[in-house]
Amino acid sequence: MPIIFRWIFSACLMRTLTTLIALLAIFVIIETFDKTRYLGDTFNIGLLIEYLALKIPFMAGEFMPVVVLVATSVYLVELSRHQEIVALRAAGLGINKLVSPILSVAALAAAITFGISQWVAPVTNHRMDDIERIHIKHQAANKSSIQWLKDGHTFFKLTPLSQQQYAVVVLQTDARGHWLKKIDSSKAFYKDGQWILHQVYISSPSADGLSLTHQDYLTLASDVSPQTARPPEPDAMDIIALNHYIDSLQQAGLKAESYIYSLHKKITAPLACLFMALLAIALCTHISNRSSSASWGVISAISLGLLFYVFGNASALLAGNGQLPPAYAAWLPSLVFGGFSIYLLLQREGF
C-alpha cells in the first residue's frame, strides 16, 4: 500500500471517528435533557440509559453521511492551509491520489451504515419503539389505529369503530399468495376465539370474473385478535424480511408502499457516504491557503449536504402521499446529488 494512501487514509479516518464521537456525544446530551421530563414510575433512570444506548446505533447510521462530509471537508481544508495539496500537485500526482483514500474511508463508513441498518438497527429499533410507546407515550393499551394481522394465508385489516367493535376486511390466499376470497364486514367483534361479523359481503374470483354474495351474519374462527400484534415497523426489519413481507402484501393485493420505500432506502443510504465525500472533495480541495476560499468551500459543502437531507425528506413525503413511486423516491436524492457531486469534481479537474 503506497505511503501517501496510508497517510491520507489514516488521517481522514481519525477525523471521521472524532467527528462521529462528537456528534453522538451532542446527541446523547440533547436526548437526555429531552427525555428526563418523562422520568417517573414507568420510565426510570435504567430505562433512560437503555433507551439512549439503543438509539446510538440508529443515530450513528443516520449521522454517518454528515460525519463523512464534515470530516472530509475539515481535513481537506487542513491540507490546503498546510500546502500539502500544492505538494501533491507539484510532485506530478493526480487527483486520484487524494480521492482514492478518502473514498476508501467513505466506503468503510458506508459498509458500517449498511451493517447497522441490516443487523443492528432492526433489533434495537424494536426494543426502542416499545420503550417509547409504552413507558414514554403510555400507549400500551392504545389500539385505536388500523391494524394488519396475518393468520397463515389469511390477512385481517381491523379498523376500530367503538366499544371493541371493528370494521373488518379478511383476505384469504393460497400457498402461492393468489387471492381466493375477500370478506368485508361493516361491524364485527372478537369473542371466544372467533370473529362475529355483521353485514358481510363475500367476493371471490369465478369463471364469470367476480362472484359477490351478502350475509347478515357470519362467524370466522381465528387465533388473531385486536390484541394479537401490531403491523411490523419497516425500521425493525432487515432487507430479507422486508422483501418477503412486501411480496406477501403484493400477492394478497395489499398496499406496500411504505415497506418498498424502506427497502430501497436501506440500499441507497450507504451510498450517501460516498456522495458526501465526493461533494467535499469537489468543493474543499484548494491549492491555496486563503481562508476565504476554504471557508466558502466548507459552507457550500455543508449547505448542499443539508439540502440532500431536505430533498430526501421531501421525497419520502411525496412517496407517502402516493405522488412518487416509493422505489423512485428512495433513489432520487442519491441519483441527483451523486451525479451533481461527480459533475462538480470533473469540472474542477477541467473535464
Protein backbone atom coordinates (compact mmCIF):
# COMPACT_ATOMS: atom_id res chain seq x y z
CA MET A 1 0.00 0.00 0.00
CA PRO A 2 1.58 3.37 -1.02
CA ILE A 3 2.67 5.57 1.84
CA ILE A 4 0.61 8.52 0.54
CA PHE A 5 -2.53 6.35 0.57
CA ARG A 6 -1.86 5.23 4.15
CA TRP A 7 -1.14 8.78 5.27
CA ILE A 8 -4.33 10.27 3.83
CA PHE A 9 -6.49 7.25 4.75
CA SER A 10 -5.39 7.16 8.41
CA ALA A 11 -5.70 10.94 8.86
CA CYS A 12 -9.15 11.06 7.25
CA LEU A 13 -10.28 8.01 9.25
CA MET A 14 -9.21 9.56 12.56
CA ARG A 15 -11.08 12.78 11.79
CA THR A 16 -14.15 10.77 10.80
CA LEU A 17 -14.11 8.84 14.08
CA THR A 18 -13.57 12.04 16.07
CA THR A 19 -16.45 13.78 14.30
CA LEU A 20 -18.74 10.78 14.83
CA ILE A 21 -17.96 10.62 18.55
CA ALA A 22 -18.51 14.38 18.90
CA LEU A 23 -21.88 14.29 17.13
CA LEU A 24 -23.03 11.26 19.14
CA ALA A 25 -21.99 12.99 22.37
CA ILE A 26 -24.01 16.06 21.42
CA PHE A 27 -26.98 13.83 20.57
CA VAL A 28 -26.79 11.99 23.91
CA ILE A 29 -26.72 15.28 25.84
CA ILE A 30 -29.69 16.73 23.93
CA GLU A 31 -31.68 13.49 24.10
CA THR A 32 -31.00 13.16 27.83
CA PHE A 33 -32.38 16.63 28.53
CA ASP A 34 -35.39 15.90 26.31
CA LYS A 35 -36.29 12.56 27.90
CA THR A 36 -35.67 13.42 31.57
CA ARG A 37 -39.02 15.25 31.60
CA TYR A 38 -40.72 11.84 31.24
CA LEU A 39 -38.98 10.30 34.26
CA GLY A 40 -41.44 8.77 36.69
CA ASP A 41 -42.77 5.44 37.92
CA THR A 42 -42.87 3.80 34.50
CA PHE A 43 -39.80 5.49 32.97
CA ASN A 44 -36.83 5.38 35.34
CA ILE A 45 -33.10 6.07 35.03
CA GLY A 46 -32.39 2.49 33.96
CA LEU A 47 -34.83 2.70 31.06
CA LEU A 48 -33.45 6.12 30.09
CA ILE A 49 -29.92 4.71 29.85
CA GLU A 50 -31.19 1.69 27.91
CA TYR A 51 -33.13 3.96 25.55
CA LEU A 52 -30.07 6.12 24.86
CA ALA A 53 -27.86 3.08 24.32
CA LEU A 54 -30.39 1.56 21.90
CA LYS A 55 -30.71 4.79 19.94
CA ILE A 56 -26.96 5.31 19.45
CA PRO A 57 -26.63 2.70 16.62
CA PHE A 58 -29.62 4.20 14.82
CA MET A 59 -28.25 7.73 15.11
CA ALA A 60 -24.77 6.59 14.04
CA GLY A 61 -26.27 5.26 10.83
CA GLU A 62 -28.26 8.45 10.33
CA PHE A 63 -25.31 10.73 11.10
CA MET A 64 -22.74 8.84 9.04
CA PRO A 65 -23.11 10.79 5.74
CA VAL A 66 -22.92 14.11 7.63
CA VAL A 67 -19.93 12.80 9.57
CA VAL A 68 -18.13 11.89 6.33
CA LEU A 69 -18.98 15.28 4.81
CA VAL A 70 -17.78 17.33 7.80
CA ALA A 71 -14.69 15.23 8.49
CA THR A 72 -13.59 15.21 4.85
CA SER A 73 -14.22 18.95 4.44
CA VAL A 74 -12.21 19.82 7.57
CA TYR A 75 -9.37 17.51 6.58
CA LEU A 76 -9.14 18.96 3.07
CA VAL A 77 -9.09 22.49 4.50
CA GLU A 78 -6.17 21.44 6.73
CA LEU A 79 -4.32 20.07 3.70
CA SER A 80 -4.91 23.30 1.81
CA ARG A 81 -3.69 25.53 4.63
CA HIS A 82 -0.51 23.48 5.07
CA GLN A 83 0.14 23.40 1.30
CA GLU A 84 0.04 19.57 1.12
CA ILE A 85 -2.25 19.68 -1.92
CA VAL A 86 0.25 22.00 -3.64
CA ALA A 87 3.00 19.50 -2.84
CA LEU A 88 0.96 16.64 -4.32
CA ARG A 89 0.35 18.62 -7.50
CA ALA A 90 3.98 19.70 -7.73
CA ALA A 91 5.07 16.07 -7.48
CA GLY A 92 3.00 15.33 -10.57
CA LEU A 93 0.41 13.28 -8.68
CA GLY A 94 -3.17 13.33 -9.96
CA ILE A 95 -6.38 13.91 -8.07
CA ASN A 96 -6.80 10.13 -7.79
CA LYS A 97 -4.07 10.04 -5.12
CA LEU A 98 -6.34 12.19 -2.96
CA VAL A 99 -9.69 10.73 -3.97
CA SER A 100 -8.83 7.04 -3.53
CA PRO A 101 -8.01 7.04 0.22
CA ILE A 102 -10.87 9.43 1.05
CA LEU A 103 -13.36 7.28 -0.88
CA SER A 104 -11.96 4.23 0.92
CA VAL A 105 -12.83 5.85 4.25
CA ALA A 106 -16.28 6.73 2.86
CA ALA A 107 -16.73 3.14 1.64
CA LEU A 108 -15.83 1.86 5.12
CA ALA A 109 -18.41 4.27 6.61
CA ALA A 110 -20.95 3.06 4.04
CA ALA A 111 -20.30 -0.57 4.99
CA ILE A 112 -20.78 0.27 8.67
CA THR A 113 -24.01 2.12 7.84
CA PHE A 114 -25.30 -0.86 5.90
CA GLY A 115 -24.33 -3.27 8.69
CA ILE A 116 -26.14 -1.16 11.27
CA SER A 117 -29.32 -0.92 9.17
CA GLN A 118 -29.25 -4.62 8.31
CA TRP A 119 -28.30 -6.37 11.56
CA VAL A 120 -28.21 -3.91 14.47
CA ALA A 121 -30.99 -1.35 13.98
CA PRO A 122 -33.83 -3.89 13.42
CA VAL A 123 -33.17 -5.31 16.90
CA THR A 124 -32.54 -2.03 18.73
CA ASN A 125 -35.36 -0.16 16.98
CA HIS A 126 -37.91 -2.79 18.01
CA ARG A 127 -37.00 -2.51 21.68
CA MET A 128 -36.62 1.28 21.49
CA ASP A 129 -40.08 1.60 19.94
CA ASP A 130 -41.57 -0.46 22.78
CA ILE A 131 -39.92 1.75 25.41
CA GLU A 132 -41.09 4.95 23.73
CA ARG A 133 -44.62 3.69 23.09
CA ILE A 134 -45.24 2.05 26.46
CA HIS A 135 -43.12 3.94 29.01
CA ILE A 136 -42.88 7.41 27.46
CA LYS A 137 -46.10 7.89 25.47
CA HIS A 138 -48.13 5.45 27.62
CA GLN A 139 -49.77 3.89 24.56
CA ALA A 140 -49.60 0.25 25.62
CA ALA A 141 -53.37 -0.04 25.67
CA ASN A 142 -53.95 2.20 22.69
CA LYS A 143 -55.49 0.12 19.90
CA SER A 144 -57.07 2.96 18.02
CA SER A 145 -55.01 2.61 14.85
CA ILE A 146 -55.68 0.41 11.86
CA GLN A 147 -54.01 -2.98 12.18
CA TRP A 148 -52.95 -5.54 9.58
CA LEU A 149 -52.73 -9.04 11.05
CA LYS A 150 -51.81 -12.35 9.45
CA ASP A 151 -53.04 -15.85 10.32
CA GLY A 152 -51.41 -18.38 8.00
CA HIS A 153 -52.55 -17.44 4.49
CA THR A 154 -55.29 -15.13 5.80
CA PHE A 155 -54.85 -11.38 6.24
CA PHE A 156 -57.04 -9.26 8.56
CA LYS A 157 -57.47 -5.50 8.32
CA LEU A 158 -59.03 -4.10 11.52
CA THR A 159 -60.41 -0.55 11.60
CA PRO A 160 -61.57 0.47 15.11
CA LEU A 161 -65.12 1.74 15.49
CA SER A 162 -66.21 1.90 19.14
CA GLN A 163 -66.79 -0.36 22.16
CA GLN A 164 -64.47 -3.13 20.90
CA GLN A 165 -66.15 -3.17 17.50
CA TYR A 166 -64.24 -3.09 14.24
CA ALA A 167 -64.78 -2.83 10.53
CA VAL A 168 -63.04 -5.95 9.24
CA VAL A 169 -61.61 -6.92 5.87
CA VAL A 170 -60.43 -10.54 5.51
CA LEU A 171 -58.30 -11.68 2.57
CA GLN A 172 -57.76 -15.39 2.10
CA THR A 173 -54.96 -16.57 -0.22
CA ASP A 174 -53.45 -19.88 -1.29
CA ALA A 175 -49.89 -21.02 -0.58
CA ARG A 176 -48.57 -19.00 -3.54
CA GLY A 177 -50.35 -15.82 -2.44
CA HIS A 178 -53.12 -15.96 -5.06
CA TRP A 179 -56.37 -14.35 -3.96
CA LEU A 180 -59.15 -16.81 -3.05
CA LYS A 181 -61.72 -14.83 -1.10
CA LYS A 182 -62.35 -11.35 0.31
CA ILE A 183 -64.74 -10.81 3.24
CA ASP A 184 -65.94 -7.31 4.14
CA SER A 185 -67.82 -6.62 7.35
CA SER A 186 -69.01 -3.17 8.41
CA LYS A 187 -69.23 -4.21 12.08
CA ALA A 188 -67.55 -7.08 13.91
CA PHE A 189 -66.18 -8.08 17.31
CA TYR A 190 -63.92 -10.83 18.62
CA LYS A 191 -65.09 -13.31 21.25
CA ASP A 192 -64.09 -16.82 22.37
CA GLY A 193 -61.58 -17.41 19.57
CA GLN A 194 -63.77 -16.30 16.70
CA TRP A 195 -64.79 -13.19 14.84
CA ILE A 196 -68.51 -12.42 14.76
CA LEU A 197 -69.20 -10.46 11.58
CA HIS A 198 -72.32 -8.47 10.65
CA GLN A 199 -73.42 -7.18 7.25
CA VAL A 200 -70.93 -9.33 5.40
CA TYR A 201 -70.07 -9.12 1.71
CA ILE A 202 -68.06 -12.03 0.28
CA SER A 203 -66.30 -11.71 -3.08
CA SER A 204 -64.20 -14.32 -4.85
CA PRO A 205 -62.90 -14.92 -8.39
CA SER A 206 -65.13 -17.01 -10.64
CA ALA A 207 -65.36 -18.08 -14.26
CA ASP A 208 -67.53 -15.01 -14.96
CA GLY A 209 -64.99 -12.64 -13.35
CA LEU A 210 -66.19 -11.94 -9.80
CA SER A 211 -68.71 -13.58 -7.51
CA LEU A 212 -70.34 -11.40 -4.83
CA THR A 213 -72.67 -12.61 -2.05
CA HIS A 214 -74.16 -10.98 1.01
CA GLN A 215 -74.83 -12.40 4.51
CA ASP A 216 -76.29 -10.67 7.53
CA TYR A 217 -74.20 -12.73 9.95
CA LEU A 218 -71.01 -14.83 9.79
CA THR A 219 -68.60 -16.36 12.32
CA LEU A 220 -64.96 -16.89 11.49
CA ALA A 221 -62.63 -18.85 13.78
CA SER A 222 -59.17 -17.32 14.08
CA ASP A 223 -56.28 -17.06 16.50
CA VAL A 224 -55.71 -13.40 15.70
CA SER A 225 -57.49 -10.76 17.71
CA PRO A 226 -57.20 -6.96 18.17
CA GLN A 227 -54.54 -7.64 20.81
CA THR A 228 -52.50 -10.13 18.76
CA ALA A 229 -49.94 -7.82 17.15
CA ARG A 230 -49.25 -4.52 15.53
CA PRO A 231 -48.09 -4.33 11.90
CA PRO A 232 -44.29 -4.58 11.78
CA GLU A 233 -42.39 -1.34 11.52
CA PRO A 234 -40.12 -1.12 8.44
CA ASP A 235 -37.21 0.10 10.59
CA ALA A 236 -37.45 -3.06 12.68
CA MET A 237 -36.93 -5.37 9.67
CA ASP A 238 -33.84 -6.29 7.68
CA ILE A 239 -33.69 -6.37 3.88
CA ILE A 240 -34.62 -10.05 3.58
CA ALA A 241 -37.58 -9.75 5.94
CA LEU A 242 -38.75 -6.60 4.17
CA ASN A 243 -38.56 -8.27 0.77
CA HIS A 244 -40.59 -11.29 1.94
CA TYR A 245 -43.17 -9.08 3.66
CA ILE A 246 -43.56 -6.88 0.57
CA ASP A 247 -44.01 -9.98 -1.59
CA SER A 248 -46.71 -11.31 0.74
CA LEU A 249 -48.58 -8.00 0.77
CA GLN A 250 -48.42 -7.59 -3.01
CA GLN A 251 -49.57 -11.14 -3.69
CA ALA A 252 -52.55 -10.50 -1.43
CA GLY A 253 -53.32 -7.26 -3.27
CA LEU A 254 -52.42 -5.03 -0.29
CA LYS A 255 -50.57 -1.73 -0.27
CA ALA A 256 -46.86 -1.99 0.49
CA GLU A 257 -45.55 1.48 -0.45
CA SER A 258 -44.01 2.32 2.93
CA TYR A 259 -42.20 -1.03 3.05
CA ILE A 260 -40.97 -0.68 -0.55
CA TYR A 261 -39.59 2.76 0.27
CA SER A 262 -37.83 1.46 3.39
CA LEU A 263 -36.33 -1.47 1.45
CA HIS A 264 -34.78 0.77 -1.19
CA LYS A 265 -33.77 3.34 1.43
CA LYS A 266 -31.71 0.70 3.21
CA ILE A 267 -29.87 0.09 -0.07
CA THR A 268 -29.35 3.73 -1.05
CA ALA A 269 -28.50 5.15 2.40
CA PRO A 270 -24.89 3.83 2.44
CA LEU A 271 -24.28 5.45 -0.97
CA ALA A 272 -24.81 8.86 0.63
CA CYS A 273 -21.45 8.47 2.41
CA LEU A 274 -19.67 8.18 -0.95
CA PHE A 275 -21.56 11.12 -2.43
CA MET A 276 -20.81 13.33 0.59
CA ALA A 277 -17.11 12.51 0.26
CA LEU A 278 -17.15 13.42 -3.44
CA LEU A 279 -19.00 16.64 -2.63
CA ALA A 280 -16.39 17.63 -0.04
CA ILE A 281 -13.53 16.86 -2.46
CA ALA A 282 -15.16 18.90 -5.23
CA LEU A 283 -15.77 21.97 -3.05
CA CYS A 284 -12.96 21.93 -0.48
CA THR A 285 -9.88 20.96 -2.49
CA HIS A 286 -7.92 24.20 -2.87
CA ILE A 287 -4.34 24.79 -3.93
CA SER A 288 -4.06 27.98 -1.89
CA ASN A 289 -4.13 28.60 1.84
CA ARG A 290 -6.55 31.51 1.68
CA SER A 291 -9.07 31.31 4.49
CA SER A 292 -11.89 32.80 2.42
CA SER A 293 -11.70 30.08 -0.23
CA ALA A 294 -11.58 27.32 2.36
CA SER A 295 -14.45 28.81 4.36
CA TRP A 296 -16.69 29.15 1.33
CA GLY A 297 -15.87 25.60 0.29
CA VAL A 298 -16.84 24.18 3.70
CA ILE A 299 -20.01 26.31 3.88
CA SER A 300 -21.05 25.23 0.38
CA ALA A 301 -20.36 21.55 1.10
CA ILE A 302 -22.31 21.52 4.38
CA SER A 303 -25.18 23.53 2.84
CA LEU A 304 -25.52 21.07 -0.05
CA GLY A 305 -25.27 18.18 2.42
CA LEU A 306 -28.18 19.59 4.43
CA LEU A 307 -30.09 20.17 1.20
CA PHE A 308 -29.57 16.48 0.43
CA TYR A 309 -31.42 15.58 3.64
CA VAL A 310 -34.20 18.07 2.94
CA PHE A 311 -34.58 16.61 -0.54
CA GLY A 312 -34.64 13.10 0.94
CA ASN A 313 -37.37 14.00 3.44
CA ALA A 314 -39.41 15.68 0.70
CA SER A 315 -39.13 12.56 -1.46
CA ALA A 316 -40.28 10.43 1.48
CA LEU A 317 -43.34 12.66 1.99
CA LEU A 318 -44.20 12.55 -1.71
CA ALA A 319 -43.88 8.76 -1.68
CA GLY A 320 -46.07 8.52 1.43
CA ASN A 321 -48.76 10.63 -0.27
CA GLY A 322 -48.64 8.47 -3.39
CA GLN A 323 -47.24 11.28 -5.56
CA LEU A 324 -43.99 9.42 -6.32
CA PRO A 325 -43.32 5.68 -6.74
CA PRO A 326 -41.66 4.57 -3.47
CA ALA A 327 -38.60 2.97 -5.10
CA TYR A 328 -38.04 6.05 -7.28
CA ALA A 329 -38.43 8.36 -4.27
CA ALA A 330 -35.79 6.40 -2.34
CA TRP A 331 -33.27 6.53 -5.19
CA LEU A 332 -33.94 10.07 -6.44
CA PRO A 333 -31.86 12.08 -3.88
CA SER A 334 -28.86 9.77 -4.31
CA LEU A 335 -29.03 9.90 -8.10
CA VAL A 336 -29.40 13.70 -8.22
CA PHE A 337 -26.75 14.61 -5.64
CA GLY A 338 -24.42 11.80 -6.65
CA GLY A 339 -24.46 12.97 -10.25
CA PHE A 340 -24.05 16.59 -9.17
CA SER A 341 -21.03 15.72 -6.98
CA ILE A 342 -19.34 13.85 -9.82
CA TYR A 343 -20.08 16.75 -12.19
CA LEU A 344 -18.50 19.28 -9.81
CA LEU A 345 -15.42 17.11 -9.37
CA LEU A 346 -14.97 16.67 -13.12
CA GLN A 347 -15.45 20.41 -13.67
CA ARG A 348 -12.77 21.17 -11.08
CA GLU A 349 -10.33 18.88 -12.90
CA GLY A 350 -11.07 20.51 -16.23
CA PHE A 351 -13.04 17.73 -17.91
